[in-house]
Amino acid sequence: MVEPAFAAQARLVQVPRFRPVVGYSRRDQLRIFGAVLRAMLQEEYVLLGSSRGRWKPELMAIAAAAWLPRRWRASVVLSGEMWEPNSGLRGRLEKWLVRWIDRAILRYAVYSSEELEVFPRLWGVVPEKVRFTPFTYTLKEQDCRPVSSGGYVFSGGNAFRDYDALVETARLLPERRFIIASGRLEGRDDLPDNLEAGPVPHERFMQLLCAAEMVVVPIRTGLRRAAGQQTYLNAMWLKKPTIVNRVLGVRDHIRHGETGLIVEGSPESFAAAIRWVGDAANRETVERMGENAHRDVSARFNTCQHALDLLEVVEEALHDDRDG
């Protein structure tokens, strides 16, 4: 579904739909590259995603069009989860690519306020181009029918997760059942008996999320980009007690103790938060936190608000570009 705020002011670039679990195939990514490159040659301005697909076809299309003079190509507002740099030759090539496409980019819309300082320093772009646009929950009413709690701690997703920490948390809490919906632990033969892990279809992932007693999102520490927002915002919208460790973007979307719990990220810190949520003496506070989370996410981190935030960045970029 297209947000009216976008539909009224823009022409959409038609690209293949994202398929949960499978993602984008090579053919899908070639189609995205072609569609975006055509838009770069036909439009004056385009709003593009920063990290779609393994091969980042939108970035490749910008790089291809950046060879052209400005009058023959579009200028870009780039939005989304930005990039965690690699080391060695690959890392140097990535930095060269970003500096090359930067000539075609008017604004970068990032998902954490900390990246307003981190992103320009990391990638060598001017800070004046970077804006913060909070992320959005992505669930619809039909995605999750009311279900009773399954009494387990749930975690899921693949990107930038630290499941080693959650495995150790499960060892500290043998009385608790843990389910991790991810392929990141496949092949491990050292998992505790109270932990079930493995990839699942999207429908099963949603069932597990909806029936969880609480949700833990263990994100890799030391990242220089935001990660995990979709998972923890969806959990908060479902009123699940949500526990996330302190990384970029978390404090922008969670108010500690009011809409979720932010912990340091060690197995001990996750275990302490899980014990607190599961303590019957805290039930009223936990329920209130879930209600607060649902209201806050519904009001501040919805798709319409996200679209309006992006349109504001686009309008500012167009105004400055035309005046310049």
Protein backbone atom coordinates (compact mmCIF):
# COMPACT_ATOMS: atom_id res chain seq x y z
CA MET A 1 0.00 0.00 0.00
CA VAL A 2 1.30 3.47 -0.93
CA GLU A 3 1.04 6.21 1.67
CA PRO A 4 -1.17 9.08 0.39
CA ALA A 5 1.51 11.56 1.43
CA PHE A 6 3.81 10.04 -1.18
CA ALA A 7 1.24 9.22 -3.85
CA ALA A 8 0.05 12.82 -4.01
CA GLN A 9 3.50 14.26 -4.62
CA ALA A 10 5.57 11.66 -6.47
CA ARG A 11 5.68 9.12 -9.27
CA LEU A 12 6.61 5.67 -8.01
CA VAL A 13 9.49 3.65 -9.40
CA GLN A 14 8.09 0.14 -9.79
CA VAL A 15 10.44 -2.49 -8.35
CA PRO A 16 9.97 -6.16 -7.35
CA ARG A 17 8.38 -6.76 -3.97
CA PHE A 18 10.57 -7.85 -1.10
CA ARG A 19 9.94 -11.50 -0.22
CA PRO A 20 10.34 -12.30 3.49
CA VAL A 21 13.07 -14.85 4.28
CA VAL A 22 14.06 -15.19 0.58
CA GLY A 23 14.74 -11.49 0.02
CA TYR A 24 15.67 -10.23 -3.46
CA SER A 25 16.99 -12.65 -6.06
CA ARG A 26 19.76 -11.65 -8.48
CA ARG A 27 17.12 -11.18 -11.15
CA ASP A 28 15.11 -8.93 -8.82
CA GLN A 29 18.19 -6.85 -8.15
CA LEU A 30 18.92 -6.47 -11.86
CA ARG A 31 15.35 -5.29 -12.38
CA ILE A 32 15.74 -2.78 -9.53
CA PHE A 33 18.99 -1.54 -11.06
CA GLY A 34 17.31 -1.04 -14.43
CA ALA A 35 14.24 0.68 -13.02
CA VAL A 36 16.28 3.05 -10.86
CA LEU A 37 18.73 3.85 -13.65
CA ARG A 38 15.82 4.76 -15.95
CA ALA A 39 14.43 7.02 -13.22
CA MET A 40 17.84 8.61 -12.78
CA LEU A 41 17.84 9.49 -16.49
CA GLN A 42 14.20 10.59 -16.74
CA GLU A 43 13.48 12.47 -13.51
CA GLU A 44 14.89 15.62 -11.96
CA TYR A 45 14.85 14.28 -8.38
CA VAL A 46 14.47 10.78 -6.92
CA LEU A 47 14.04 9.38 -3.41
CA LEU A 48 15.80 6.01 -3.13
CA GLY A 49 16.49 3.33 -0.53
CA SER A 50 20.03 2.91 0.72
CA SER A 51 20.33 -0.82 1.36
CA ARG A 52 17.91 -2.86 -0.73
CA GLY A 53 19.35 -6.23 -1.82
CA ARG A 54 22.74 -7.81 -1.32
CA TRP A 55 24.32 -5.96 -4.26
CA LYS A 56 22.71 -2.58 -3.46
CA PRO A 57 21.29 -2.05 -6.98
CA GLU A 58 20.06 1.46 -6.19
CA LEU A 59 23.57 2.56 -5.23
CA MET A 60 24.94 0.94 -8.38
CA ALA A 61 22.41 2.85 -10.48
CA ILE A 62 23.40 6.12 -8.81
CA ALA A 63 27.06 5.33 -9.44
CA ALA A 64 26.35 4.64 -13.14
CA ALA A 65 24.40 7.88 -13.58
CA ALA A 66 26.86 9.97 -11.57
CA TRP A 67 29.21 10.03 -14.59
CA LEU A 68 26.71 12.26 -16.38
CA PRO A 69 26.45 16.05 -16.06
CA ARG A 70 23.80 17.24 -13.62
CA ARG A 71 21.43 18.37 -16.40
CA TRP A 72 21.22 14.79 -17.71
CA ARG A 73 20.54 12.94 -14.46
CA ALA A 74 18.48 13.18 -11.31
CA SER A 75 19.66 14.34 -7.92
CA VAL A 76 18.98 11.94 -5.05
CA VAL A 77 17.66 11.87 -1.52
CA LEU A 78 18.91 8.59 -0.05
CA SER A 79 16.95 7.09 2.85
CA GLY A 80 17.27 4.03 5.04
CA GLU A 81 19.65 1.90 7.05
CA MET A 82 23.11 3.05 6.09
CA TRP A 83 26.16 0.83 5.85
CA GLU A 84 28.51 -0.86 8.24
CA PRO A 85 31.98 -0.52 6.68
CA ASN A 86 34.19 -3.48 5.93
CA SER A 87 37.94 -3.62 6.45
CA GLY A 88 40.79 -3.97 3.97
CA LEU A 89 40.46 -3.50 0.22
CA ARG A 90 36.69 -3.97 0.26
CA GLY A 91 36.33 -1.22 2.85
CA ARG A 92 38.47 1.17 0.79
CA LEU A 93 36.39 0.44 -2.31
CA GLU A 94 33.18 1.08 -0.37
CA LYS A 95 34.43 4.48 0.77
CA TRP A 96 35.46 5.35 -2.76
CA LEU A 97 31.98 4.35 -4.02
CA VAL A 98 30.19 6.49 -1.40
CA ARG A 99 32.34 9.51 -2.22
CA TRP A 100 31.64 8.97 -5.91
CA ILE A 101 27.84 8.75 -5.58
CA ASP A 102 27.87 11.64 -3.09
CA ARG A 103 28.12 14.05 -6.03
CA ALA A 104 24.56 13.01 -7.01
CA ILE A 105 23.10 13.01 -3.48
CA LEU A 106 21.43 16.05 -1.93
CA ARG A 107 20.44 14.49 1.41
CA TYR A 108 20.97 11.32 3.43
CA ALA A 109 18.04 10.40 5.71
CA VAL A 110 19.37 8.16 8.51
CA TYR A 111 17.54 6.14 11.17
CA SER A 112 19.32 7.37 14.30
CA SER A 113 20.17 10.79 15.67
CA GLU A 114 23.69 9.57 16.54
CA GLU A 115 24.36 9.04 12.84
CA LEU A 116 24.07 12.78 12.25
CA GLU A 117 27.63 12.87 13.57
CA VAL A 118 28.84 9.31 12.91
CA PHE A 119 27.79 8.95 9.27
CA PRO A 120 29.54 12.01 7.77
CA ARG A 121 32.74 11.30 9.69
CA LEU A 122 32.73 7.64 8.68
CA TRP A 123 32.02 8.12 4.97
CA GLY A 124 33.53 11.52 4.27
CA VAL A 125 30.37 13.44 3.37
CA VAL A 126 29.45 16.90 4.64
CA PRO A 127 27.30 16.87 7.81
CA GLU A 128 24.91 19.43 6.28
CA LYS A 129 23.58 16.72 3.97
CA VAL A 130 22.48 14.36 6.76
CA ARG A 131 19.01 14.34 8.38
CA PHE A 132 17.41 12.07 10.98
CA THR A 133 14.09 10.41 10.10
CA PRO A 134 12.81 7.90 12.72
CA PHE A 135 11.81 4.47 11.48
CA THR A 136 8.31 2.95 11.40
CA TYR A 137 6.60 -0.21 12.54
CA THR A 138 5.48 -2.33 9.58
CA LEU A 139 2.70 -4.56 10.90
CA LYS A 140 -0.92 -4.41 9.80
CA GLU A 141 -3.94 -5.40 11.88
CA GLN A 142 -4.32 -8.65 9.91
CA ASP A 143 -0.71 -9.69 10.56
CA CYS A 144 -1.35 -10.70 14.12
CA ARG A 145 -4.60 -12.09 15.46
CA PRO A 146 -5.07 -11.99 19.25
CA VAL A 147 -3.45 -15.01 20.87
CA SER A 148 -2.63 -16.01 24.41
CA SER A 149 0.98 -15.89 25.56
CA GLY A 150 3.07 -18.94 24.75
CA GLY A 151 5.20 -18.26 27.81
CA TYR A 152 8.51 -18.03 25.93
CA VAL A 153 11.13 -15.40 25.25
CA PHE A 154 11.22 -14.66 21.53
CA SER A 155 13.96 -13.24 19.33
CA GLY A 156 14.29 -13.16 15.56
CA GLY A 157 15.90 -11.65 12.52
CA ASN A 158 19.33 -12.05 10.97
CA ALA A 159 20.99 -8.72 10.33
CA PHE A 160 23.58 -7.57 12.87
CA ARG A 161 22.26 -9.77 15.69
CA ASP A 162 24.37 -10.99 18.63
CA TYR A 163 22.75 -14.34 19.35
CA ASP A 164 25.82 -15.58 21.21
CA ALA A 165 24.82 -13.22 24.02
CA LEU A 166 21.25 -14.59 24.00
CA VAL A 167 22.48 -18.20 24.03
CA GLU A 168 24.45 -17.40 27.18
CA THR A 169 21.37 -15.66 28.60
CA ALA A 170 19.41 -18.89 28.10
CA ARG A 171 22.09 -20.78 30.05
CA LEU A 172 21.65 -18.32 32.91
CA LEU A 173 17.87 -18.90 32.90
CA PRO A 174 17.35 -22.68 32.48
CA GLU A 175 13.78 -22.36 33.76
CA ARG A 176 12.89 -20.12 30.80
CA ARG A 177 12.03 -21.24 27.25
CA PHE A 178 13.71 -19.32 24.42
CA ILE A 179 12.84 -19.36 20.71
CA ILE A 180 15.17 -17.70 18.17
CA ALA A 181 13.70 -17.47 14.65
CA SER A 182 16.91 -17.09 12.68
CA GLY A 183 19.36 -19.13 10.67
CA ARG A 184 22.32 -17.52 12.42
CA LEU A 185 22.70 -20.45 14.84
CA GLU A 186 22.36 -23.26 12.29
CA GLY A 187 24.90 -26.01 12.78
CA ARG A 188 25.51 -25.22 16.45
CA ASP A 189 25.51 -28.33 18.64
CA ASP A 190 26.16 -26.52 21.91
CA LEU A 191 22.79 -24.83 22.41
CA PRO A 192 21.12 -25.29 25.80
CA ASP A 193 18.08 -27.54 26.05
CA ASN A 194 15.76 -24.60 26.81
CA LEU A 195 16.58 -22.84 23.52
CA GLU A 196 15.01 -23.62 20.14
CA ALA A 197 16.61 -21.96 17.11
CA GLY A 198 16.30 -22.08 13.34
CA PRO A 199 14.97 -20.25 10.28
CA VAL A 200 11.20 -20.19 9.87
CA PRO A 201 8.79 -19.01 7.12
CA HIS A 202 7.45 -15.48 7.51
CA GLU A 203 4.01 -16.68 8.62
CA ARG A 204 5.56 -18.79 11.38
CA PHE A 205 7.78 -15.89 12.41
CA MET A 206 4.67 -13.73 12.87
CA GLN A 207 2.90 -16.45 14.86
CA LEU A 208 5.89 -16.77 17.19
CA LEU A 209 6.15 -13.02 17.63
CA CYS A 210 2.46 -12.63 18.36
CA ALA A 211 2.39 -15.42 20.97
CA ALA A 212 5.60 -14.45 22.78
CA GLU A 213 5.57 -13.45 26.42
CA MET A 214 8.36 -10.96 25.76
CA VAL A 215 10.72 -10.05 22.91
CA VAL A 216 14.49 -9.61 23.10
CA VAL A 217 16.44 -7.96 20.27
CA PRO A 218 20.18 -8.54 20.86
CA ILE A 219 22.01 -6.25 18.43
CA ARG A 220 25.72 -6.46 17.79
CA THR A 221 27.57 -3.82 19.79
CA GLY A 222 30.04 -1.43 18.19
CA LEU A 223 27.94 -0.88 15.06
CA ARG A 224 28.23 2.48 13.32
CA ARG A 225 24.71 2.35 11.91
CA ALA A 226 21.27 1.71 13.35
CA ALA A 227 19.81 -1.82 13.18
CA GLY A 228 16.87 -3.86 14.46
CA GLN A 229 14.25 -1.09 14.51
CA GLN A 230 11.64 -3.00 12.53
CA THR A 231 11.73 -5.94 14.93
CA TYR A 232 11.57 -3.98 18.15
CA LEU A 233 9.01 -1.42 16.91
CA ASN A 234 6.74 -4.23 15.70
CA ALA A 235 7.06 -5.95 19.08
CA MET A 236 6.27 -2.70 20.89
CA TRP A 237 3.22 -2.10 18.71
CA LEU A 238 2.03 -5.57 19.75
CA LYS A 239 2.38 -4.46 23.41
CA LYS A 240 5.10 -7.04 24.01
CA PRO A 241 7.61 -6.24 26.76
CA THR A 242 10.59 -5.43 24.56
CA ILE A 243 14.23 -5.63 25.63
CA VAL A 244 16.97 -4.16 23.42
CA ASN A 245 20.62 -3.41 24.10
CA ARG A 246 22.07 0.06 23.82
CA VAL A 247 23.17 0.69 20.22
CA LEU A 248 22.60 3.49 17.69
CA GLY A 249 18.95 4.40 17.28
CA VAL A 250 17.52 2.59 20.28
CA ARG A 251 17.11 5.69 22.47
CA ASP A 252 15.46 7.49 19.53
CA HIS A 253 12.67 4.91 19.48
CA ILE A 254 12.43 3.50 23.04
CA ARG A 255 11.99 5.35 26.34
CA HIS A 256 13.67 3.14 28.92
CA GLY A 257 11.25 1.91 31.58
CA GLU A 258 8.29 3.60 29.88
CA THR A 259 7.92 1.92 26.47
CA GLY A 260 10.62 -0.77 26.68
CA LEU A 261 13.81 -1.78 28.41
CA ILE A 262 17.29 -0.76 27.23
CA VAL A 263 20.12 -2.86 28.62
CA GLU A 264 23.89 -2.88 28.37
CA GLY A 265 24.03 -5.97 26.14
CA SER A 266 25.77 -8.61 28.25
CA PRO A 267 24.04 -11.96 28.94
CA GLU A 268 23.68 -10.86 32.57
CA SER A 269 21.90 -7.63 31.58
CA PHE A 270 19.47 -9.48 29.32
CA ALA A 271 18.84 -12.06 32.08
CA ALA A 272 18.15 -9.35 34.67
CA ALA A 273 15.61 -7.66 32.36
CA ILE A 274 13.90 -10.97 31.56
CA ARG A 275 13.63 -11.79 35.27
CA TRP A 276 12.15 -8.34 35.95
CA VAL A 277 9.55 -8.68 33.20
CA GLY A 278 8.62 -12.18 34.37
CA ASP A 279 8.29 -11.21 38.04
CA ALA A 280 4.62 -11.27 39.04
CA ALA A 281 5.25 -8.30 41.35
CA ASN A 282 5.95 -6.16 38.26
CA ARG A 283 2.96 -7.30 36.20
CA GLU A 284 1.03 -4.04 36.41
CA THR A 285 4.09 -1.99 35.47
CA VAL A 286 4.91 -4.33 32.58
CA GLU A 287 1.35 -4.14 31.24
CA ARG A 288 1.42 -0.36 31.48
CA MET A 289 4.73 -0.32 29.61
CA GLY A 290 3.16 -2.40 26.82
CA GLU A 291 0.21 -0.02 26.53
CA ASN A 292 2.56 2.98 26.48
CA ALA A 293 4.66 1.33 23.78
CA HIS A 294 1.64 0.64 21.57
CA ARG A 295 0.39 4.22 21.86
CA ASP A 296 3.83 5.72 21.30
CA VAL A 297 4.66 3.60 18.27
CA SER A 298 1.19 4.11 16.77
CA ALA A 299 1.47 7.90 17.14
CA ARG A 300 5.14 8.61 16.40
CA PHE A 301 6.54 5.71 14.40
CA ASN A 302 3.81 4.96 11.86
CA THR A 303 4.24 4.77 8.09
CA CYS A 304 2.36 8.00 7.41
CA GLN A 305 4.57 9.97 9.82
CA HIS A 306 7.67 8.36 8.30
CA ALA A 307 6.49 9.39 4.82
CA LEU A 308 5.87 12.96 5.99
CA ASP A 309 9.33 13.10 7.57
CA LEU A 310 10.89 11.95 4.30
CA LEU A 311 8.86 14.43 2.27
CA GLU A 312 10.06 17.22 4.53
CA VAL A 313 13.67 16.20 3.83
CA VAL A 314 12.94 15.99 0.09
CA GLU A 315 11.27 19.41 0.02
CA GLU A 316 14.15 20.99 1.92
CA ALA A 317 16.65 19.43 -0.50
CA LEU A 318 14.71 20.62 -3.56
CA HIS A 319 14.37 24.12 -2.16
CA ASP A 320 18.09 24.39 -1.37
CA ASP A 321 19.09 22.88 -4.72
CA ARG A 322 16.92 25.23 -6.77
CA ASP A 323 17.94 28.28 -4.76
CA GLY A 324 21.59 27.28 -5.07
